[in-house]
Amino acid sequence: MSNSAVNTTTVSILDKDYRVSCGDGEKAALVEAANYLDSKMRDIRGTGKVIGLERIAVMAALNIAHELLQLAKSISKDQEETKRQVEQIVEKVDKVLQDVNSDPGY
């Protein structure tokens, strides 16, 4: 059993209340996530194309999963580009150091 206390908080999604357990210090993140989900579900319901709470929830989950995967791909690309740039800088520094070390005037 972990040392952190488990609390229960109530979040509202599409005007329904849900009691959810969360650890100490996690309530704000839980409420933020619930508000985000509520917003996504309201947007989907507002289109009038999807009817039924379960279908709205599944569509919201799919949209959020897609956002998450796109973000992960973007972060991965950014990390690769940063790594490439760092490698170029290291190569330049190495070349300068070699030039300095091979110059008898130093």
Protein backbone atom coordinates (compact mmCIF):
# COMPACT_ATOMS: atom_id res chain seq x y z
CA MET A 1 0.00 0.00 0.00
CA SER A 2 1.33 3.44 -0.86
CA ASN A 3 2.00 6.19 1.64
CA SER A 4 -0.20 8.76 -0.10
CA ALA A 5 -3.78 9.09 1.09
CA VAL A 6 -6.61 8.39 -1.31
CA ASN A 7 -9.41 10.92 -1.43
CA THR A 8 -12.70 10.96 -3.27
CA THR A 9 -13.83 13.91 -5.33
CA THR A 10 -16.91 14.50 -7.43
CA VAL A 11 -16.64 15.63 -11.03
CA SER A 12 -19.47 16.53 -13.37
CA ILE A 13 -19.50 15.32 -16.97
CA LEU A 14 -22.49 16.14 -19.16
CA ASP A 15 -24.46 17.13 -16.08
CA LYS A 16 -23.88 13.79 -14.35
CA ASP A 17 -21.84 13.56 -11.20
CA TYR A 18 -19.15 10.91 -10.78
CA ARG A 19 -17.30 10.15 -7.56
CA VAL A 20 -13.67 9.40 -8.37
CA SER A 21 -10.79 8.37 -6.12
CA CYS A 22 -7.55 10.28 -6.41
CA GLY A 23 -4.34 10.59 -4.46
CA ASP A 24 -3.18 13.59 -2.49
CA GLY A 25 -2.22 16.42 -4.78
CA GLU A 26 -4.03 14.93 -7.80
CA LYS A 27 -7.43 16.58 -7.39
CA ALA A 28 -6.65 19.62 -9.54
CA ALA A 29 -5.39 17.44 -12.40
CA LEU A 30 -8.43 15.17 -12.10
CA VAL A 31 -10.83 18.11 -12.21
CA GLU A 32 -8.96 19.58 -15.19
CA ALA A 33 -9.18 16.24 -17.03
CA ALA A 34 -12.90 15.92 -16.24
CA ASN A 35 -13.53 19.47 -17.48
CA TYR A 36 -11.62 18.72 -20.68
CA LEU A 37 -13.63 15.53 -21.25
CA ASP A 38 -16.87 17.35 -20.48
CA SER A 39 -15.98 20.02 -23.03
CA LYS A 40 -15.15 17.45 -25.72
CA MET A 41 -18.35 15.51 -25.05
CA ARG A 42 -20.44 18.71 -25.17
CA ASP A 43 -18.84 19.64 -28.49
CA ILE A 44 -19.71 16.23 -29.94
CA ARG A 45 -23.24 16.32 -28.56
CA GLY A 46 -23.62 19.84 -29.95
CA THR A 47 -23.04 18.68 -33.51
CA GLY A 48 -26.22 16.60 -33.31
CA LYS A 49 -24.52 13.84 -35.32
CA VAL A 50 -23.92 11.52 -32.36
CA ILE A 51 -26.73 10.48 -30.07
CA GLY A 52 -26.45 8.57 -26.82
CA LEU A 53 -24.13 9.08 -23.89
CA GLU A 54 -22.09 5.95 -24.62
CA ARG A 55 -21.50 6.88 -28.27
CA ILE A 56 -20.60 10.44 -27.30
CA ALA A 57 -18.14 9.11 -24.72
CA VAL A 58 -16.53 6.74 -27.25
CA MET A 59 -16.19 9.50 -29.84
CA ALA A 60 -14.67 11.83 -27.24
CA ALA A 61 -12.24 9.08 -26.20
CA LEU A 62 -11.24 8.51 -29.82
CA ASN A 63 -10.70 12.22 -30.38
CA ILE A 64 -8.65 12.59 -27.22
CA ALA A 65 -6.59 9.48 -28.08
CA HIS A 66 -5.92 10.95 -31.53
CA GLU A 67 -4.81 14.25 -29.98
CA LEU A 68 -2.51 12.39 -27.61
CA LEU A 69 -0.91 10.35 -30.40
CA GLN A 70 -0.43 13.42 -32.59
CA LEU A 71 1.20 15.25 -29.69
CA ALA A 72 3.48 12.29 -28.95
CA LYS A 73 4.56 12.16 -32.61
CA SER A 74 5.21 15.90 -32.62
CA ILE A 75 7.30 15.66 -29.45
CA SER A 76 9.27 12.76 -30.92
CA LYS A 77 10.01 14.78 -34.08
CA ASP A 78 11.07 17.77 -31.97
CA GLN A 79 13.37 15.55 -29.90
CA GLU A 80 14.94 14.09 -33.04
CA GLU A 81 15.52 17.57 -34.47
CA THR A 82 17.02 18.79 -31.19
CA LYS A 83 19.31 15.75 -31.07
CA ARG A 84 20.44 16.42 -34.65
CA GLN A 85 21.17 20.07 -33.83
CA VAL A 86 23.12 19.14 -30.70
CA GLU A 87 25.18 16.64 -32.69
CA GLN A 88 26.00 19.36 -35.25
CA ILE A 89 27.09 21.73 -32.48
CA VAL A 90 29.25 19.03 -30.88
CA GLU A 91 30.91 18.37 -34.24
CA LYS A 92 31.64 22.09 -34.66
CA VAL A 93 33.07 22.36 -31.13
CA ASP A 94 35.20 19.26 -31.71
CA LYS A 95 36.55 20.75 -34.94
CA VAL A 96 37.39 24.04 -33.24
CA LEU A 97 39.13 22.18 -30.40
CA GLN A 98 41.13 20.13 -32.89
CA ASP A 99 42.14 23.27 -34.74
CA VAL A 100 43.18 24.97 -31.51
CA ASN A 101 45.13 21.92 -30.33
CA SER A 102 46.91 21.53 -33.65
CA ASP A 103 47.92 25.21 -33.84
CA PRO A 104 51.39 25.62 -32.30
CA GLY A 105 50.64 29.30 -31.58
CA TYR A 106 48.44 28.40 -28.59
